[in-house]
Amino acid sequence: VQLQASGGGLVQAGGSLRLSCAASGTVFSSKNMGWYRQAPGEQRELVASINTRDITNYRDSVKGRFTISRDNAKNTMYLQMNDLKVEDTGVYYCKLFSSAYWGQGTQVTVSS
């Protein structure tokens, strides 16, 4: 399994970013997966998840602002992040729940 997260960057508070996670080496459509983030000095936390039936879950702090989605034809998962806050800053990782592989994350920095 290989996962490549992209789309991070520097944005002002209130702005938006769209993260992408391209997967290879796996049957993407059969996997439950999610986005995690790790802020400096903090533990990695699950931000959003999506299962094979497109049922989604979000941590409370991002509900109504973030949307997770997947395109099985493109083997890609997305995280649309709107109304970004300074506390959303961190390295964002995508992960298949059935795999221990993390892959390289993408940095999101929100300035005030």
N, C-alpha and C. Protein backbone atom coordinates (compact mmCIF):
# COMPACT_ATOMS: atom_id res chain seq x y z
N VAL A 1 0.84 -1.20 0.00
CA VAL A 1 0.00 0.00 0.00
C VAL A 1 0.87 1.25 0.00
N GLN A 2 0.52 2.18 -0.85
CA GLN A 2 1.17 3.49 -0.83
C GLN A 2 0.11 4.56 -0.82
N LEU A 3 0.32 5.57 0.03
CA LEU A 3 -0.60 6.68 0.14
C LEU A 3 0.17 7.97 -0.03
N GLN A 4 -0.36 8.87 -0.83
CA GLN A 4 0.29 10.16 -1.05
C GLN A 4 -0.70 11.26 -0.78
N ALA A 5 -0.48 11.97 0.32
CA ALA A 5 -1.34 13.10 0.67
C ALA A 5 -0.79 14.37 0.06
N SER A 6 -1.67 15.25 -0.39
CA SER A 6 -1.26 16.52 -0.98
C SER A 6 -2.35 17.55 -0.78
N GLY A 7 -2.02 18.80 -1.10
CA GLY A 7 -3.01 19.88 -1.05
C GLY A 7 -2.88 20.81 0.14
N GLY A 8 -1.94 20.54 1.02
CA GLY A 8 -1.76 21.42 2.16
C GLY A 8 -1.14 22.74 1.74
N GLY A 9 -1.04 23.64 2.71
CA GLY A 9 -0.45 24.93 2.43
C GLY A 9 -0.69 25.90 3.56
N LEU A 10 -0.39 27.16 3.29
CA LEU A 10 -0.58 28.24 4.24
C LEU A 10 -1.83 29.02 3.84
N VAL A 11 -2.73 29.20 4.78
CA VAL A 11 -3.98 29.90 4.49
C VAL A 11 -4.37 30.75 5.70
N GLN A 12 -5.06 31.83 5.44
CA GLN A 12 -5.55 32.66 6.55
C GLN A 12 -6.79 32.05 7.18
N ALA A 13 -7.00 32.37 8.43
CA ALA A 13 -8.19 31.90 9.11
C ALA A 13 -9.44 32.30 8.31
N GLY A 14 -10.36 31.36 8.19
CA GLY A 14 -11.55 31.58 7.39
C GLY A 14 -11.43 31.07 5.97
N GLY A 15 -10.23 30.71 5.58
CA GLY A 15 -9.99 30.22 4.23
C GLY A 15 -10.30 28.74 4.08
N SER A 16 -10.00 28.23 2.89
CA SER A 16 -10.31 26.84 2.56
C SER A 16 -9.12 26.16 1.92
N LEU A 17 -9.08 24.86 2.10
CA LEU A 17 -8.10 24.00 1.42
C LEU A 17 -8.79 22.67 1.10
N ARG A 18 -8.30 22.03 0.06
CA ARG A 18 -8.79 20.69 -0.27
C ARG A 18 -7.61 19.73 -0.31
N LEU A 19 -7.63 18.77 0.57
CA LEU A 19 -6.58 17.76 0.60
C LEU A 19 -6.98 16.57 -0.25
N SER A 20 -5.98 15.94 -0.85
CA SER A 20 -6.20 14.72 -1.64
C SER A 20 -5.29 13.62 -1.11
N CYS A 21 -5.75 12.40 -1.23
CA CYS A 21 -4.96 11.23 -0.84
C CYS A 21 -5.07 10.20 -1.94
N ALA A 22 -3.98 10.02 -2.68
CA ALA A 22 -3.96 9.04 -3.76
C ALA A 22 -3.40 7.73 -3.24
N ALA A 23 -4.12 6.65 -3.49
CA ALA A 23 -3.71 5.34 -3.00
C ALA A 23 -3.33 4.43 -4.15
N SER A 24 -2.40 3.55 -3.88
CA SER A 24 -2.02 2.53 -4.86
C SER A 24 -1.66 1.25 -4.11
N GLY A 25 -1.71 0.14 -4.85
CA GLY A 25 -1.33 -1.12 -4.26
C GLY A 25 -2.39 -1.76 -3.38
N THR A 26 -3.63 -1.32 -3.56
CA THR A 26 -4.70 -1.88 -2.75
C THR A 26 -6.02 -1.79 -3.51
N VAL A 27 -6.98 -2.57 -3.07
CA VAL A 27 -8.32 -2.46 -3.63
C VAL A 27 -9.03 -1.35 -2.87
N PHE A 28 -8.92 -0.17 -3.40
CA PHE A 28 -9.33 1.05 -2.70
C PHE A 28 -10.79 1.01 -2.29
N SER A 29 -11.64 0.55 -3.16
CA SER A 29 -13.08 0.61 -2.93
C SER A 29 -13.52 -0.26 -1.75
N SER A 30 -12.70 -1.19 -1.33
CA SER A 30 -13.08 -2.10 -0.24
C SER A 30 -12.55 -1.66 1.11
N LYS A 31 -11.96 -0.47 1.16
CA LYS A 31 -11.30 -0.02 2.38
C LYS A 31 -12.05 1.11 3.08
N ASN A 32 -12.08 0.99 4.41
CA ASN A 32 -12.50 2.12 5.24
C ASN A 32 -11.26 2.97 5.51
N MET A 33 -11.42 4.27 5.55
CA MET A 33 -10.23 5.12 5.65
C MET A 33 -10.56 6.43 6.33
N GLY A 34 -9.50 7.19 6.61
CA GLY A 34 -9.75 8.45 7.27
C GLY A 34 -8.58 9.41 7.17
N TRP A 35 -8.83 10.61 7.64
CA TRP A 35 -7.82 11.66 7.74
C TRP A 35 -7.50 11.88 9.22
N TYR A 36 -6.20 11.95 9.50
CA TYR A 36 -5.71 12.27 10.83
C TYR A 36 -4.92 13.58 10.74
N ARG A 37 -4.72 14.21 11.87
CA ARG A 37 -3.82 15.36 11.91
C ARG A 37 -3.02 15.31 13.20
N GLN A 38 -1.86 15.93 13.11
CA GLN A 38 -0.99 16.01 14.29
C GLN A 38 -0.48 17.44 14.40
N ALA A 39 -0.88 18.12 15.44
CA ALA A 39 -0.40 19.46 15.72
C ALA A 39 0.93 19.37 16.45
N PRO A 40 1.73 20.41 16.37
CA PRO A 40 3.03 20.40 17.07
C PRO A 40 2.86 20.11 18.56
N GLY A 41 3.60 19.11 19.03
CA GLY A 41 3.56 18.77 20.44
C GLY A 41 2.34 17.99 20.89
N GLU A 42 1.50 17.63 19.93
CA GLU A 42 0.26 16.93 20.27
C GLU A 42 0.26 15.53 19.66
N GLN A 43 -0.65 14.71 20.16
CA GLN A 43 -0.81 13.38 19.59
C GLN A 43 -1.61 13.45 18.30
N ARG A 44 -1.39 12.47 17.46
CA ARG A 44 -2.14 12.38 16.22
C ARG A 44 -3.60 12.06 16.54
N GLU A 45 -4.53 12.72 15.86
CA GLU A 45 -5.94 12.52 16.14
C GLU A 45 -6.72 12.30 14.85
N LEU A 46 -7.76 11.51 14.96
CA LEU A 46 -8.62 11.25 13.82
C LEU A 46 -9.54 12.44 13.59
N VAL A 47 -9.55 12.95 12.39
CA VAL A 47 -10.36 14.12 12.05
C VAL A 47 -11.67 13.71 11.39
N ALA A 48 -11.58 12.79 10.44
CA ALA A 48 -12.77 12.36 9.71
C ALA A 48 -12.54 10.97 9.15
N SER A 49 -13.63 10.25 8.97
CA SER A 49 -13.53 8.90 8.41
C SER A 49 -14.65 8.67 7.42
N ILE A 50 -14.41 7.72 6.53
CA ILE A 50 -15.42 7.34 5.54
C ILE A 50 -15.32 5.84 5.31
N ASN A 51 -16.46 5.18 5.27
CA ASN A 51 -16.39 3.73 5.07
C ASN A 51 -16.77 3.38 3.63
N THR A 52 -16.85 2.09 3.37
CA THR A 52 -17.07 1.64 2.00
C THR A 52 -18.48 1.97 1.49
N ARG A 53 -19.39 2.33 2.41
CA ARG A 53 -20.74 2.75 2.00
C ARG A 53 -20.89 4.27 2.02
N ASP A 54 -19.74 4.96 2.09
CA ASP A 54 -19.72 6.42 2.10
C ASP A 54 -20.37 7.02 3.35
N ILE A 55 -20.41 6.26 4.41
CA ILE A 55 -20.87 6.80 5.69
C ILE A 55 -19.70 7.53 6.33
N THR A 56 -19.94 8.75 6.75
CA THR A 56 -18.85 9.58 7.25
C THR A 56 -19.03 9.91 8.72
N ASN A 57 -17.90 10.19 9.36
CA ASN A 57 -17.89 10.64 10.75
C ASN A 57 -16.83 11.70 10.91
N TYR A 58 -17.09 12.64 11.82
CA TYR A 58 -16.18 13.76 12.04
C TYR A 58 -15.99 13.98 13.53
N ARG A 59 -14.79 14.48 13.87
CA ARG A 59 -14.63 14.91 15.25
C ARG A 59 -15.43 16.19 15.42
N ASP A 60 -15.87 16.44 16.64
CA ASP A 60 -16.79 17.56 16.88
C ASP A 60 -16.23 18.90 16.42
N SER A 61 -14.95 19.11 16.57
CA SER A 61 -14.36 20.43 16.29
C SER A 61 -14.38 20.78 14.80
N VAL A 62 -14.61 19.81 13.92
CA VAL A 62 -14.60 20.10 12.48
C VAL A 62 -15.96 19.91 11.84
N LYS A 63 -16.93 19.44 12.60
CA LYS A 63 -18.27 19.22 12.04
C LYS A 63 -18.82 20.51 11.46
N GLY A 64 -19.38 20.40 10.28
CA GLY A 64 -19.95 21.56 9.61
C GLY A 64 -18.94 22.36 8.81
N ARG A 65 -17.66 22.08 8.98
CA ARG A 65 -16.60 22.81 8.26
C ARG A 65 -15.84 21.91 7.30
N PHE A 66 -15.63 20.67 7.67
CA PHE A 66 -14.86 19.72 6.85
C PHE A 66 -15.80 18.70 6.22
N THR A 67 -15.43 18.27 5.02
CA THR A 67 -16.18 17.22 4.33
C THR A 67 -15.21 16.21 3.76
N ILE A 68 -15.39 14.96 4.14
CA ILE A 68 -14.57 13.88 3.61
C ILE A 68 -15.34 13.18 2.49
N SER A 69 -14.62 12.79 1.46
CA SER A 69 -15.26 12.10 0.34
C SER A 69 -14.25 11.18 -0.32
N ARG A 70 -14.72 10.36 -1.22
CA ARG A 70 -13.84 9.43 -1.91
C ARG A 70 -14.31 9.25 -3.34
N ASP A 71 -13.35 8.98 -4.23
CA ASP A 71 -13.65 8.66 -5.62
C ASP A 71 -12.96 7.34 -5.91
N ASN A 72 -13.72 6.27 -5.85
CA ASN A 72 -13.12 4.94 -6.01
C ASN A 72 -12.54 4.73 -7.40
N ALA A 73 -13.11 5.38 -8.40
CA ALA A 73 -12.59 5.24 -9.76
C ALA A 73 -11.19 5.84 -9.87
N LYS A 74 -10.89 6.82 -9.03
CA LYS A 74 -9.58 7.47 -9.07
C LYS A 74 -8.68 7.03 -7.92
N ASN A 75 -9.17 6.09 -7.10
CA ASN A 75 -8.39 5.64 -5.94
C ASN A 75 -7.94 6.82 -5.09
N THR A 76 -8.83 7.75 -4.87
CA THR A 76 -8.47 8.99 -4.19
C THR A 76 -9.52 9.35 -3.15
N MET A 77 -9.03 9.82 -2.01
CA MET A 77 -9.89 10.34 -0.94
C MET A 77 -9.60 11.83 -0.79
N TYR A 78 -10.61 12.57 -0.39
CA TYR A 78 -10.47 14.03 -0.27
C TYR A 78 -10.89 14.50 1.11
N LEU A 79 -10.40 15.67 1.47
CA LEU A 79 -10.88 16.37 2.65
C LEU A 79 -11.02 17.84 2.29
N GLN A 80 -12.26 18.27 2.13
CA GLN A 80 -12.52 19.68 1.89
C GLN A 80 -12.62 20.39 3.23
N MET A 81 -11.80 21.39 3.42
CA MET A 81 -11.74 22.09 4.70
C MET A 81 -12.11 23.55 4.47
N ASN A 82 -13.21 23.96 5.06
CA ASN A 82 -13.68 25.34 4.95
C ASN A 82 -13.65 26.02 6.30
N ASP A 83 -13.69 27.34 6.28
CA ASP A 83 -13.68 28.14 7.52
C ASP A 83 -12.57 27.66 8.45
N LEU A 84 -11.38 27.58 7.91
CA LEU A 84 -10.26 27.06 8.69
C LEU A 84 -9.93 27.96 9.87
N LYS A 85 -9.51 27.32 10.96
CA LYS A 85 -9.15 28.01 12.18
C LYS A 85 -7.68 27.75 12.50
N VAL A 86 -7.10 28.61 13.31
CA VAL A 86 -5.69 28.46 13.67
C VAL A 86 -5.45 27.07 14.28
N GLU A 87 -6.42 26.59 15.04
CA GLU A 87 -6.26 25.30 15.71
C GLU A 87 -6.35 24.11 14.76
N ASP A 88 -6.64 24.36 13.49
CA ASP A 88 -6.61 23.29 12.49
C ASP A 88 -5.20 23.04 11.97
N THR A 89 -4.27 23.87 12.38
CA THR A 89 -2.88 23.73 11.93
C THR A 89 -2.30 22.38 12.34
N GLY A 90 -1.57 21.76 11.42
CA GLY A 90 -0.93 20.50 11.71
C GLY A 90 -0.55 19.77 10.45
N VAL A 91 0.04 18.61 10.62
CA VAL A 91 0.34 17.73 9.49
C VAL A 91 -0.83 16.76 9.35
N TYR A 92 -1.39 16.71 8.17
CA TYR A 92 -2.54 15.86 7.90
C TYR A 92 -2.10 14.59 7.17
N TYR A 93 -2.57 13.46 7.66
CA TYR A 93 -2.24 12.16 7.11
C TYR A 93 -3.51 11.44 6.70
N CYS A 94 -3.41 10.70 5.63
CA CYS A 94 -4.50 9.80 5.27
C CYS A 94 -4.08 8.38 5.60
N LYS A 95 -5.06 7.56 5.93
CA LYS A 95 -4.74 6.20 6.35
C LYS A 95 -5.89 5.26 6.05
N LEU A 96 -5.53 4.08 5.62
CA LEU A 96 -6.50 2.99 5.52
C LEU A 96 -6.54 2.31 6.88
N PHE A 97 -7.72 2.10 7.42
CA PHE A 97 -7.82 1.55 8.76
C PHE A 97 -7.31 0.11 8.85
N SER A 98 -7.28 -0.60 7.73
CA SER A 98 -6.83 -1.99 7.72
C SER A 98 -5.32 -2.12 7.60
N SER A 99 -4.63 -1.00 7.48
CA SER A 99 -3.18 -1.02 7.28
C SER A 99 -2.48 -0.23 8.37
N ALA A 100 -1.27 -0.64 8.69
CA ALA A 100 -0.47 0.10 9.66
C ALA A 100 0.34 1.21 9.00
N TYR A 101 0.25 1.30 7.67
CA TYR A 101 1.07 2.25 6.91
C TYR A 101 0.50 3.66 7.02
N TRP A 102 1.37 4.63 7.31
CA TRP A 102 0.93 6.02 7.45
C TRP A 102 1.21 6.87 6.23
N GLY A 103 2.35 6.71 5.63
CA GLY A 103 2.68 7.56 4.49
C GLY A 103 3.07 8.95 4.93
N GLN A 104 3.43 9.74 3.96
CA GLN A 104 3.87 11.10 4.22
C GLN A 104 2.67 12.02 4.29
N GLY A 105 2.63 12.88 5.28
CA GLY A 105 1.51 13.79 5.43
C GLY A 105 1.71 15.06 4.64
N THR A 106 0.73 15.95 4.77
CA THR A 106 0.81 17.25 4.13
C THR A 106 0.55 18.33 5.18
N GLN A 107 1.37 19.38 5.16
CA GLN A 107 1.31 20.41 6.19
C GLN A 107 0.20 21.41 5.89
N VAL A 108 -0.61 21.67 6.90
CA VAL A 108 -1.63 22.72 6.82
C VAL A 108 -1.30 23.74 7.91
N THR A 109 -1.14 24.98 7.50
CA THR A 109 -0.86 26.05 8.44
C THR A 109 -1.91 27.15 8.26
N VAL A 110 -2.61 27.46 9.34
CA VAL A 110 -3.64 28.49 9.31
C VAL A 110 -3.16 29.66 10.15
N SER A 111 -3.07 30.81 9.53
CA SER A 111 -2.60 32.00 10.23
C SER A 111 -3.79 32.87 10.66
N SER A 112 -3.58 33.60 11.71
CA SER A 112 -4.67 34.45 12.24
C SER A 112 -4.69 35.81 11.56
